[in-house]
Amino acid sequence: MSDESAAGEPVIEPVNAERFAREGLTVLHRLTESARADVTRAAGLIADCVRADGVVQAFGTGHSQALVLELAGRAGGLVPTNRIGIADLVLYGGDHPSVLDDPLLERKPGIAARLYELAAPHPQDLFVVISNSGVNNVIVEMALHAKEQGHRLLAITSLSHTRAVPAGHPSGKKLADLADVILDNAAPSGDALLELPGGGAVCALSTLTGVLLVQMAVAEAAGQLLASGDRPPVYVSANVPGGFEGNLELEKRYAGRIRRTAS
């Protein structure tokens, strides 16, 4: 953010921790109100999936994997959640680790379809696809494939960013075009929040806002499940007495459908 000096010249505020905290918190507070209706709709998709004995299949690449981890397999989170990642090609698909050295791997056609097959989702599973830009090839391909297979799709993306860039997939589609529900993370185009003197910006916002949206949706879904008389299957921290053993019991219901690896 910037104001104007008495001479009419733009004044760029100092770049520091206080400014990021202030501006970031302003966006977070605004998001709690602006996203309320969409969070309720997203929670409905999650609750319906859990009631139907489905699994929430979460997919993202790059830094969007932070939100996949926030949703899948963490203390306080829902048990029927599965993390899909590019590394699955090696972990479960038998590819040599060197394939992950290719910086253009995410742009190659067919990758998402293969990841989908390795996850082996059930028809009632919900897909949550996360991408700030919403235009990377593998992201759109996964969204397209999930929809073609009849899954409901929840997208977490930046509408400001995705509207500012061209589609990268041959279909001309973006993630937001394919979703049943969109959670807009309110991050600016390019993600970075604080303007730098002379151009450019620093400090990405999408992880902070994305975590807020994920946890709001999980909380709302848990509330909807409780309201209908269903007990949310929720992880307890493995670092409390009995937590690890209790979690193993909950996971038995979804044996072979959710993958938990060291990370």
Protein backbone atom coordinates (compact mmCIF):
# COMPACT_ATOMS: atom_id res chain seq x y z
CA MET A 1 0.00 0.00 0.00
CA SER A 2 1.17 3.57 -0.65
CA ASP A 3 -0.01 7.13 -0.10
CA GLU A 4 0.91 10.36 -1.82
CA SER A 5 3.35 12.98 -0.50
CA ALA A 6 2.54 16.70 -0.40
CA ALA A 7 4.22 16.96 -3.80
CA GLY A 8 1.95 14.30 -5.23
CA GLU A 9 4.67 11.66 -5.41
CA PRO A 10 3.78 8.13 -4.24
CA VAL A 11 5.22 7.28 -0.84
CA ILE A 12 6.14 3.63 -0.41
CA GLU A 13 5.83 2.44 3.17
CA PRO A 14 8.86 0.79 4.81
CA VAL A 15 9.24 -2.92 4.15
CA ASN A 16 9.35 -4.58 7.57
CA ALA A 17 7.74 -7.19 9.78
CA GLU A 18 5.20 -4.78 11.27
CA ARG A 19 3.88 -3.79 7.86
CA PHE A 20 3.53 -7.38 6.68
CA ALA A 21 1.74 -8.37 9.90
CA ARG A 22 -0.62 -5.38 9.65
CA GLU A 23 -1.49 -5.79 6.00
CA GLY A 24 -1.61 -9.56 6.19
CA LEU A 25 -3.94 -9.52 9.19
CA THR A 26 -6.16 -7.00 7.41
CA VAL A 27 -6.61 -9.46 4.55
CA LEU A 28 -7.22 -12.36 6.96
CA HIS A 29 -9.89 -10.45 8.88
CA ARG A 30 -11.58 -9.40 5.65
CA LEU A 31 -11.45 -12.95 4.35
CA THR A 32 -13.30 -14.36 7.37
CA GLU A 33 -16.32 -12.36 6.25
CA SER A 34 -16.02 -12.38 2.46
CA ALA A 35 -15.44 -16.15 2.24
CA ARG A 36 -18.15 -17.20 4.69
CA ALA A 37 -20.72 -18.38 2.13
CA ASP A 38 -18.15 -20.19 0.02
CA VAL A 39 -16.65 -21.85 3.10
CA THR A 40 -20.12 -23.14 4.02
CA ARG A 41 -20.52 -24.59 0.53
CA ALA A 42 -17.02 -26.10 0.60
CA ALA A 43 -17.76 -27.65 4.00
CA GLY A 44 -20.91 -29.16 2.56
CA LEU A 45 -18.85 -30.96 -0.07
CA ILE A 46 -16.47 -32.25 2.60
CA ALA A 47 -19.24 -33.36 4.96
CA ASP A 48 -21.13 -35.11 2.15
CA CYS A 49 -17.92 -36.93 1.20
CA VAL A 50 -17.31 -38.14 4.75
CA ARG A 51 -20.94 -39.26 5.18
CA ALA A 52 -20.68 -41.25 1.95
CA ASP A 53 -17.57 -43.05 3.25
CA GLY A 54 -15.47 -41.07 0.79
CA VAL A 55 -11.94 -39.72 1.03
CA VAL A 56 -10.90 -36.12 0.46
CA GLN A 57 -8.21 -36.31 -2.23
CA ALA A 58 -5.97 -33.24 -1.98
CA PHE A 59 -3.57 -32.23 -4.73
CA GLY A 60 -1.21 -29.33 -5.27
CA THR A 61 2.29 -28.64 -6.54
CA GLY A 62 5.04 -26.27 -5.44
CA HIS A 63 4.15 -24.26 -2.36
CA SER A 64 0.52 -25.33 -2.66
CA GLN A 65 1.66 -28.60 -1.13
CA ALA A 66 1.71 -26.74 2.20
CA LEU A 67 -2.08 -26.59 2.07
CA VAL A 68 -2.29 -30.23 1.03
CA LEU A 69 -0.38 -31.05 4.22
CA GLU A 70 -2.71 -28.78 6.16
CA LEU A 71 -5.69 -30.79 4.97
CA ALA A 72 -4.41 -34.36 4.79
CA GLY A 73 -3.15 -36.41 7.72
CA ARG A 74 -2.58 -33.84 10.44
CA ALA A 75 -3.57 -33.59 14.10
CA GLY A 76 -7.02 -32.07 14.44
CA GLY A 77 -7.80 -32.86 10.82
CA LEU A 78 -10.11 -35.37 9.21
CA VAL A 79 -8.89 -38.96 8.90
CA PRO A 80 -10.39 -39.72 5.45
CA THR A 81 -7.93 -37.49 3.60
CA ASN A 82 -5.27 -38.41 1.10
CA ARG A 83 -2.32 -36.43 -0.21
CA ILE A 84 -1.54 -36.70 -3.92
CA GLY A 85 1.79 -35.33 -5.10
CA ILE A 86 4.18 -35.44 -8.03
CA ALA A 87 6.52 -37.60 -5.94
CA ASP A 88 3.90 -40.37 -6.09
CA LEU A 89 5.35 -41.23 -9.49
CA VAL A 90 8.42 -42.48 -7.61
CA LEU A 91 6.88 -43.57 -4.29
CA TYR A 92 4.06 -45.62 -5.80
CA GLY A 93 4.55 -45.64 -9.55
CA GLY A 94 8.00 -47.18 -9.76
CA ASP A 95 9.64 -44.29 -11.63
CA HIS A 96 13.29 -43.55 -11.03
CA PRO A 97 13.86 -40.60 -8.66
CA SER A 98 15.64 -38.75 -11.48
CA VAL A 99 12.27 -37.98 -13.10
CA LEU A 100 11.73 -35.41 -10.34
CA ASP A 101 14.80 -33.51 -11.54
CA ASP A 102 12.84 -32.29 -14.56
CA PRO A 103 11.65 -28.72 -13.81
CA LEU A 104 9.10 -29.03 -16.63
CA LEU A 105 7.56 -32.28 -15.38
CA GLU A 106 4.39 -30.51 -14.28
CA ARG A 107 3.81 -29.33 -17.85
CA LYS A 108 3.91 -32.77 -19.43
CA PRO A 109 0.55 -34.20 -20.54
CA GLY A 110 -0.67 -37.36 -18.89
CA ILE A 111 1.00 -36.79 -15.50
CA ALA A 112 -2.23 -35.98 -13.67
CA ALA A 113 -4.05 -38.98 -15.14
CA ARG A 114 -1.26 -41.23 -13.92
CA LEU A 115 -1.32 -39.69 -10.45
CA TYR A 116 -5.08 -40.22 -10.38
CA GLU A 117 -4.67 -43.89 -11.23
CA LEU A 118 -2.02 -44.34 -8.53
CA ALA A 119 -4.38 -42.82 -5.93
CA ALA A 120 -7.19 -45.16 -7.10
CA PRO A 121 -9.99 -42.94 -5.76
CA HIS A 122 -13.53 -44.19 -5.18
CA PRO A 123 -16.46 -42.53 -6.98
CA GLN A 124 -17.65 -40.73 -3.82
CA ASP A 125 -14.25 -39.17 -3.15
CA LEU A 126 -13.99 -35.37 -3.21
CA PHE A 127 -11.06 -33.70 -4.99
CA VAL A 128 -9.51 -30.58 -3.52
CA VAL A 129 -7.10 -29.03 -6.02
CA ILE A 130 -4.94 -26.16 -4.82
CA SER A 131 -3.06 -23.67 -7.00
CA ASN A 132 -2.51 -19.96 -6.53
CA SER A 133 -2.44 -19.25 -10.27
CA GLY A 134 -4.82 -22.04 -11.24
CA VAL A 135 -3.28 -22.35 -14.71
CA ASN A 136 -0.43 -24.87 -14.48
CA ASN A 137 -0.92 -27.79 -16.86
CA VAL A 138 -0.91 -30.61 -14.30
CA ILE A 139 -3.32 -28.70 -12.04
CA VAL A 140 -5.88 -28.15 -14.78
CA GLU A 141 -5.38 -31.68 -16.08
CA MET A 142 -6.09 -33.11 -12.61
CA ALA A 143 -9.21 -30.97 -12.27
CA LEU A 144 -10.42 -32.01 -15.72
CA HIS A 145 -9.76 -35.68 -15.06
CA ALA A 146 -11.50 -35.60 -11.68
CA LYS A 147 -14.59 -33.99 -13.21
CA GLU A 148 -14.62 -36.42 -16.13
CA GLN A 149 -14.62 -39.26 -13.59
CA GLY A 150 -17.62 -37.77 -11.81
CA HIS A 151 -15.97 -36.34 -8.70
CA ARG A 152 -16.99 -33.13 -6.98
CA LEU A 153 -14.22 -30.54 -7.11
CA LEU A 154 -13.23 -27.90 -4.58
CA ALA A 155 -10.63 -25.38 -5.76
CA ILE A 156 -8.46 -23.13 -3.61
CA THR A 157 -6.93 -20.42 -5.77
CA SER A 158 -6.34 -16.70 -6.17
CA LEU A 159 -9.00 -15.24 -8.42
CA SER A 160 -6.97 -12.03 -8.76
CA HIS A 161 -4.00 -13.98 -10.07
CA THR A 162 -5.87 -16.42 -12.28
CA ARG A 163 -7.82 -13.60 -13.97
CA ALA A 164 -4.57 -11.76 -14.71
CA VAL A 165 -2.81 -14.57 -16.57
CA PRO A 166 -3.61 -16.62 -19.68
CA ALA A 167 -4.68 -20.25 -19.50
CA GLY A 168 -1.77 -22.67 -19.75
CA HIS A 169 -3.71 -25.82 -20.63
CA PRO A 170 -4.62 -26.69 -24.25
CA SER A 171 -8.30 -26.78 -23.26
CA GLY A 172 -8.19 -23.08 -22.46
CA LYS A 173 -9.60 -23.89 -19.03
CA LYS A 174 -8.35 -22.73 -15.65
CA LEU A 175 -8.89 -24.42 -12.29
CA ALA A 176 -11.57 -21.92 -11.32
CA ASP A 177 -13.56 -22.75 -14.48
CA LEU A 178 -13.93 -26.38 -13.43
CA ALA A 179 -14.68 -26.24 -9.70
CA ASP A 180 -18.01 -26.91 -8.03
CA VAL A 181 -16.91 -24.54 -5.26
CA ILE A 182 -14.08 -21.99 -5.27
CA LEU A 183 -12.31 -20.71 -2.17
CA ASP A 184 -10.58 -17.49 -3.22
CA ASN A 185 -7.47 -17.03 -1.08
CA ALA A 186 -7.51 -13.25 -1.69
CA ALA A 187 -3.80 -13.19 -2.53
CA PRO A 188 -2.78 -10.48 -5.01
CA SER A 189 -1.62 -11.30 -8.50
CA GLY A 190 1.91 -12.61 -8.11
CA ASP A 191 1.17 -13.50 -4.45
CA ALA A 192 3.69 -11.09 -2.87
CA LEU A 193 2.08 -8.47 -0.64
CA LEU A 194 4.59 -5.71 0.05
CA GLU A 195 5.67 -3.36 -2.72
CA LEU A 196 9.38 -2.68 -3.07
CA PRO A 197 10.86 0.67 -4.05
CA GLY A 198 11.58 0.63 -7.75
CA GLY A 199 9.15 -2.19 -8.49
CA GLY A 200 8.49 -5.73 -7.44
CA ALA A 201 7.11 -7.07 -4.19
CA VAL A 202 8.05 -9.37 -1.32
CA CYS A 203 6.33 -11.71 1.17
CA ALA A 204 3.82 -14.19 -0.23
CA LEU A 205 0.33 -14.26 1.26
CA SER A 206 -1.42 -17.29 -0.20
CA THR A 207 -0.19 -19.82 2.38
CA LEU A 208 -1.51 -17.77 5.29
CA THR A 209 -4.89 -17.16 3.72
CA GLY A 210 -5.07 -20.71 2.38
CA VAL A 211 -4.50 -22.22 5.81
CA LEU A 212 -7.28 -20.03 7.21
CA LEU A 213 -9.68 -21.18 4.50
CA VAL A 214 -8.76 -24.87 4.94
CA GLN A 215 -9.27 -24.80 8.69
CA MET A 216 -12.50 -22.79 8.41
CA ALA A 217 -13.84 -25.38 5.97
CA VAL A 218 -12.80 -28.28 8.20
CA ALA A 219 -14.39 -26.63 11.24
CA GLU A 220 -17.61 -25.97 9.35
CA ALA A 221 -17.67 -29.50 7.95
CA ALA A 222 -17.22 -30.94 11.44
CA GLY A 223 -20.10 -28.79 12.64
CA GLN A 224 -22.32 -29.97 9.80
CA LEU A 225 -21.47 -33.60 10.55
CA LEU A 226 -22.25 -33.14 14.24
CA ALA A 227 -25.53 -31.43 13.38
CA SER A 228 -26.63 -34.47 11.37
CA GLY A 229 -25.63 -36.88 14.15
CA ASP A 230 -22.37 -38.00 12.56
CA ARG A 231 -19.16 -38.12 14.56
CA PRO A 232 -16.28 -36.52 12.58
CA PRO A 233 -13.36 -38.96 12.29
CA VAL A 234 -10.56 -36.72 13.51
CA TYR A 235 -6.88 -37.28 14.17
CA VAL A 236 -5.42 -36.84 17.65
CA SER A 237 -1.80 -35.75 17.92
CA ALA A 238 0.48 -38.77 17.82
CA ASN A 239 2.54 -37.02 20.49
CA VAL A 240 -0.05 -37.45 23.25
CA PRO A 241 -0.55 -40.72 25.15
CA GLY A 242 -2.63 -43.15 23.09
CA GLY A 243 -2.83 -40.80 20.13
CA PHE A 244 -0.85 -42.91 17.68
CA GLU A 245 -2.73 -46.11 18.56
CA GLY A 246 -6.10 -44.39 18.38
CA ASN A 247 -5.32 -42.94 14.99
CA LEU A 248 -4.40 -46.38 13.66
CA GLU A 249 -7.84 -47.65 14.68
CA LEU A 250 -9.57 -44.79 12.86
CA GLU A 251 -7.47 -45.38 9.75
CA LYS A 252 -8.56 -49.02 9.51
CA ARG A 253 -11.89 -47.91 8.06
CA TYR A 254 -10.02 -46.42 5.08
CA ALA A 255 -7.34 -49.09 4.71
CA GLY A 256 -5.71 -48.99 1.30
CA ARG A 257 -7.31 -45.64 0.46
CA ILE A 258 -5.24 -43.15 2.46
CA ARG A 259 -1.46 -43.05 2.35
CA ARG A 260 0.70 -41.90 5.23
CA THR A 261 4.42 -41.60 4.56
CA ALA A 262 7.28 -39.97 6.44
CA SER A 263 7.59 -36.32 5.54
